[in-house]
Amino acid sequence: MTYCLAIKVKAGLVFTSDSRTNAGIDHVSTYSKMHTFGRERDRQFVLLSAGNLATTQGVIARLYRDIRDSADENLFTMRDISEAGDYVGNISRAQQMKVTGGGATFEASFILGGQVSDELPEIMLIYPEGNHIFATEETPYLQIGESKYGKPILDRIIASDSSLEHAALCALVSMDSTLRSNVTVGPPIDVLVYRKDSLSPGDHLRLDSDSPYLRELKRSWEEGLKEAFHKLPPINWARAKERSVDNRSASAS
């Protein structure tokens, strides 16, 4: 399984991904699911992948090969990120058909983000069918893979005017929540922060399972949650019962 996340704020973009592709009693595999493509002062792309490993590796290999061979269509010839999304989606569909004739079990999803020249930075989710959607100001993040465990904090914390530092912290807590609840998602964890208009690769961090920072983040988050829980107002059982009786009486009348 996989968990990948991208966040768009006014100051730039944040990406994070795990590296586990298989989990079992005696077999755990790790592959990076974050890939970068860029040309200084011109464009920068980050691609996150989830789904069938053969499909995703085939797509990544094709993207690098097209750049190496200066193909007519490659990430460095795209006019904007929307066109780049169509290009990646077409390659993904072709790879799925190549592997199994398009069988559902060989599907893959991607998050593509970055900036082309003086266009605004964007992030998009590319579906297995090849089409894509953009993040919006109302929903400034996109997820693929095991998304449910890490979603609540994003909904509560992230806004378009969040700082890049807060967005990166939120992304790591979202990932930690997923690691805590699903053994099929695991480190190393990749985090990349891209600053708007920098057109440079950005700041990249890779955190292993024994990373002191990852352990400290986990400990601080768990202690903070417990402290917040103990500060919750107690249930007033008598008042709750009175309201329940009043509501039933009103419904009966």
Protein backbone atom coordinates (compact mmCIF):
# COMPACT_ATOMS: atom_id res chain seq x y z
CA MET A 1 0.00 0.00 0.00
CA THR A 2 0.98 3.64 -0.30
CA TYR A 3 0.30 7.07 1.09
CA CYS A 4 1.27 10.15 -0.89
CA LEU A 5 0.20 13.72 -0.23
CA ALA A 6 0.67 17.11 -1.90
CA ILE A 7 -0.36 20.47 -0.43
CA LYS A 8 -0.68 23.78 -2.27
CA VAL A 9 -0.44 27.05 -0.33
CA LYS A 10 0.21 30.59 -1.50
CA ALA A 11 3.91 30.33 -0.66
CA GLY A 12 4.48 27.12 -2.62
CA LEU A 13 4.02 23.36 -2.57
CA VAL A 14 4.69 20.51 -0.13
CA PHE A 15 5.00 16.83 -1.09
CA THR A 16 5.39 13.76 1.07
CA SER A 17 5.35 10.01 0.40
CA ASP A 18 6.15 6.73 2.09
CA SER A 19 8.32 4.02 0.54
CA ARG A 20 6.64 0.69 1.38
CA THR A 21 5.28 -1.36 -1.50
CA ASN A 22 4.67 -4.71 0.17
CA ALA A 23 4.19 -5.79 3.76
CA GLY A 24 4.06 -9.25 5.27
CA ILE A 25 5.54 -11.45 7.97
CA ASP A 26 8.78 -12.08 6.10
CA HIS A 27 8.72 -9.76 3.09
CA VAL A 28 8.85 -5.96 3.12
CA SER A 29 9.92 -4.00 0.04
CA THR A 30 10.72 -0.31 -0.21
CA TYR A 31 10.80 1.90 -3.29
CA SER A 32 10.77 5.67 -3.42
CA LYS A 33 7.45 6.99 -4.71
CA MET A 34 8.70 10.56 -5.17
CA HIS A 35 10.44 11.53 -8.40
CA THR A 36 11.68 14.94 -9.49
CA PHE A 37 12.23 16.41 -12.95
CA GLY A 38 13.53 19.91 -13.47
CA ARG A 39 15.50 22.48 -15.35
CA GLU A 40 16.87 25.37 -13.32
CA ARG A 41 15.16 28.74 -13.84
CA ASP A 42 12.69 27.14 -16.28
CA ARG A 43 10.53 24.45 -14.66
CA GLN A 44 10.31 21.98 -11.79
CA PHE A 45 8.07 18.91 -11.44
CA VAL A 46 7.48 16.45 -8.60
CA LEU A 47 5.65 13.20 -9.32
CA LEU A 48 4.18 10.96 -6.59
CA SER A 49 2.98 7.47 -7.52
CA ALA A 50 0.59 4.88 -6.12
CA GLY A 51 -0.72 1.60 -7.48
CA ASN A 52 0.83 -1.29 -9.35
CA LEU A 53 4.61 -1.12 -9.08
CA ALA A 54 5.27 -2.42 -12.60
CA THR A 55 3.00 0.24 -14.04
CA THR A 56 4.46 3.10 -12.01
CA GLN A 57 8.04 2.06 -12.75
CA GLY A 58 7.21 1.84 -16.45
CA VAL A 59 5.75 5.34 -16.42
CA ILE A 60 8.73 6.82 -14.55
CA ALA A 61 11.20 5.12 -16.88
CA ARG A 62 9.37 6.50 -19.92
CA LEU A 63 9.39 10.03 -18.53
CA TYR A 64 13.15 9.92 -17.95
CA ARG A 65 13.76 8.28 -21.33
CA ASP A 66 11.76 10.91 -23.23
CA ILE A 67 13.84 13.66 -21.59
CA ARG A 68 17.10 11.83 -22.28
CA ASP A 69 16.19 11.24 -25.93
CA SER A 70 14.85 14.79 -26.44
CA ALA A 71 11.54 13.35 -27.64
CA ASP A 72 9.10 15.75 -29.30
CA GLU A 73 6.91 15.33 -26.21
CA ASN A 74 8.62 15.31 -22.84
CA LEU A 75 8.23 17.15 -19.56
CA PHE A 76 10.62 19.87 -20.75
CA THR A 77 8.51 20.68 -23.83
CA MET A 78 5.17 21.04 -22.03
CA ARG A 79 3.71 24.56 -22.15
CA ASP A 80 2.08 24.32 -18.71
CA ILE A 81 1.38 21.84 -15.96
CA SER A 82 -2.05 20.92 -17.34
CA GLU A 83 -0.44 19.80 -20.59
CA ALA A 84 2.14 17.90 -18.55
CA GLY A 85 -0.69 16.13 -16.71
CA ASP A 86 -2.26 15.02 -19.99
CA TYR A 87 1.13 13.73 -21.14
CA VAL A 88 1.70 11.70 -17.95
CA GLY A 89 -1.88 10.40 -18.06
CA ASN A 90 -1.47 9.18 -21.64
CA ILE A 91 1.75 7.37 -20.75
CA SER A 92 0.07 5.77 -17.73
CA ARG A 93 -2.84 4.48 -19.81
CA ALA A 94 -0.48 3.13 -22.47
CA GLN A 95 1.60 1.36 -19.83
CA GLN A 96 -1.46 -0.27 -18.27
CA MET A 97 -2.56 -1.55 -21.67
CA LYS A 98 0.97 -2.79 -22.40
CA VAL A 99 1.18 -4.80 -19.20
CA THR A 100 -2.19 -6.53 -19.09
CA GLY A 101 -4.57 -5.02 -21.59
CA GLY A 102 -5.77 -2.49 -19.04
CA GLY A 103 -6.72 -4.83 -16.18
CA ALA A 104 -7.94 -3.00 -13.10
CA THR A 105 -5.38 -4.68 -10.82
CA PHE A 106 -2.56 -2.98 -12.74
CA GLU A 107 -3.90 0.55 -12.34
CA ALA A 108 -1.80 3.45 -11.07
CA SER A 109 -2.56 6.95 -9.82
CA PHE A 110 -0.22 9.93 -9.70
CA ILE A 111 0.07 13.37 -8.16
CA LEU A 112 1.96 15.80 -10.36
CA GLY A 113 2.97 19.20 -9.06
CA GLY A 114 5.35 21.98 -9.81
CA GLN A 115 5.76 25.17 -11.80
CA VAL A 116 6.47 26.00 -15.43
CA SER A 117 8.15 29.34 -16.12
CA ASP A 118 5.97 32.23 -14.91
CA GLU A 119 2.84 30.09 -14.52
CA LEU A 120 1.47 29.63 -11.00
CA PRO A 121 2.55 26.50 -9.08
CA GLU A 122 -0.08 23.76 -9.20
CA ILE A 123 -0.77 20.23 -8.01
CA MET A 124 -3.03 17.73 -9.78
CA LEU A 125 -4.27 14.19 -9.26
CA ILE A 126 -3.98 11.98 -12.35
CA TYR A 127 -6.47 9.11 -12.36
CA PRO A 128 -5.75 5.64 -13.84
CA GLU A 129 -7.98 6.62 -16.77
CA GLY A 130 -5.53 9.42 -17.61
CA ASN A 131 -7.69 12.44 -16.75
CA HIS A 132 -6.83 14.79 -13.91
CA ILE A 133 -8.15 17.31 -11.39
CA PHE A 134 -6.44 20.27 -9.71
CA ALA A 135 -6.37 21.20 -6.04
CA THR A 136 -8.54 24.22 -5.22
CA GLU A 137 -8.47 26.99 -2.64
CA GLU A 138 -11.28 25.21 -0.77
CA THR A 139 -9.42 21.87 -0.90
CA PRO A 140 -5.72 22.76 -1.14
CA TYR A 141 -4.39 19.21 -0.86
CA LEU A 142 -4.50 15.95 -2.83
CA GLN A 143 -3.95 12.38 -1.63
CA ILE A 144 -3.43 8.98 -3.25
CA GLY A 145 -3.21 5.56 -1.66
CA GLU A 146 -4.25 4.99 1.98
CA SER A 147 -5.71 8.45 2.51
CA LYS A 148 -8.37 8.13 5.22
CA TYR A 149 -6.15 8.06 8.32
CA GLY A 150 -4.21 11.20 7.43
CA LYS A 151 -7.16 13.28 6.19
CA PRO A 152 -8.69 14.67 9.44
CA ILE A 153 -5.72 16.85 10.37
CA LEU A 154 -5.54 18.24 6.83
CA ASP A 155 -9.19 19.28 6.98
CA ARG A 156 -8.68 20.99 10.34
CA ILE A 157 -5.32 22.70 9.79
CA ILE A 158 -4.52 23.35 6.14
CA ALA A 159 -5.71 26.52 4.40
CA SER A 160 -4.44 28.31 1.31
CA ASP A 161 -2.69 30.92 3.48
CA SER A 162 -0.88 28.36 5.67
CA SER A 163 2.88 28.80 5.77
CA LEU A 164 5.11 26.27 4.04
CA GLU A 165 6.55 25.30 7.43
CA HIS A 166 3.09 24.58 8.85
CA ALA A 167 2.09 22.72 5.68
CA ALA A 168 5.21 20.54 5.90
CA LEU A 169 4.58 19.78 9.59
CA CYS A 170 0.94 18.98 8.84
CA ALA A 171 2.00 16.66 6.02
CA LEU A 172 4.34 14.78 8.38
CA VAL A 173 1.67 14.45 11.07
CA SER A 174 -0.76 13.23 8.41
CA MET A 175 1.82 10.64 7.39
CA ASP A 176 2.49 9.65 11.01
CA SER A 177 -1.23 9.10 11.60
CA THR A 178 -1.28 6.78 8.59
CA LEU A 179 1.83 4.90 9.71
CA ARG A 180 0.22 4.42 13.14
CA SER A 181 -2.96 2.88 11.71
CA ASN A 182 -1.78 0.94 8.65
CA VAL A 183 1.23 -1.39 8.62
CA THR A 184 1.29 -1.41 4.81
CA VAL A 185 2.49 2.22 4.83
CA GLY A 186 6.04 2.68 6.05
CA PRO A 187 9.30 4.62 5.99
CA PRO A 188 11.57 5.94 4.64
CA ILE A 189 9.45 9.09 4.35
CA ASP A 190 10.27 11.64 1.65
CA VAL A 191 9.35 15.30 2.18
CA LEU A 192 9.95 18.03 -0.39
CA VAL A 193 9.15 21.74 -0.11
CA TYR A 194 9.03 23.86 -3.28
CA ARG A 195 8.96 27.64 -2.90
CA LYS A 196 6.85 29.60 -5.36
CA ASP A 197 8.79 31.14 -8.28
CA SER A 198 12.11 29.64 -7.16
CA LEU A 199 12.23 27.30 -10.19
CA SER A 200 14.80 25.28 -8.25
CA PRO A 201 14.53 21.71 -6.91
CA GLY A 202 13.49 22.79 -3.40
CA ASP A 203 14.34 21.34 0.00
CA HIS A 204 14.21 17.55 0.23
CA LEU A 205 14.30 15.46 3.42
CA ARG A 206 14.34 11.66 3.71
CA LEU A 207 13.45 10.23 7.11
CA ASP A 208 14.24 6.61 8.00
CA SER A 209 12.41 4.62 10.66
CA ASP A 210 15.20 5.34 13.16
CA SER A 211 15.24 9.08 12.44
CA PRO A 212 15.47 11.01 15.74
CA TYR A 213 13.27 13.76 14.30
CA LEU A 214 10.57 11.30 13.21
CA ARG A 215 10.56 9.74 16.69
CA GLU A 216 10.34 13.17 18.35
CA LEU A 217 7.51 14.25 16.05
CA LYS A 218 5.56 11.08 16.83
CA ARG A 219 6.09 11.47 20.58
CA SER A 220 5.12 15.16 20.62
CA TRP A 221 2.00 14.56 18.53
CA GLU A 222 0.80 11.67 20.69
CA GLU A 223 1.37 13.63 23.91
CA GLY A 224 -0.40 16.66 22.44
CA LEU A 225 -3.41 14.56 21.45
CA LYS A 226 -3.65 13.01 24.90
CA GLU A 227 -3.39 16.42 26.57
CA ALA A 228 -6.10 17.86 24.29
CA PHE A 229 -8.33 14.84 25.01
CA HIS A 230 -8.05 15.32 28.77
CA LYS A 231 -9.07 18.98 28.36
CA LEU A 232 -12.36 18.11 26.65
CA PRO A 233 -15.49 19.23 28.55
CA PRO A 234 -17.08 16.33 30.47
CA ILE A 235 -20.41 14.91 29.38
CA ASN A 236 -23.33 16.35 31.38
CA TRP A 237 -25.44 13.21 31.51
CA ALA A 238 -28.40 14.82 33.31
CA ARG A 239 -28.68 17.68 30.82
CA ALA A 240 -28.26 15.29 27.89
CA LYS A 241 -31.11 13.12 29.21
CA GLU A 242 -33.36 16.17 29.70
CA ARG A 243 -32.80 17.32 26.15
CA SER A 244 -33.40 13.81 24.82
CA VAL A 245 -36.75 13.65 26.68
CA ASP A 246 -37.73 17.14 25.45
CA ASN A 247 -36.90 16.19 21.88
CA ARG A 248 -38.99 13.02 22.06
CA SER A 249 -41.90 14.95 23.54
CA ALA A 250 -41.71 17.56 20.81
CA SER A 251 -41.66 14.85 18.14
CA ALA A 252 -44.68 13.10 19.65
CA SER A 253 -46.75 16.28 19.76
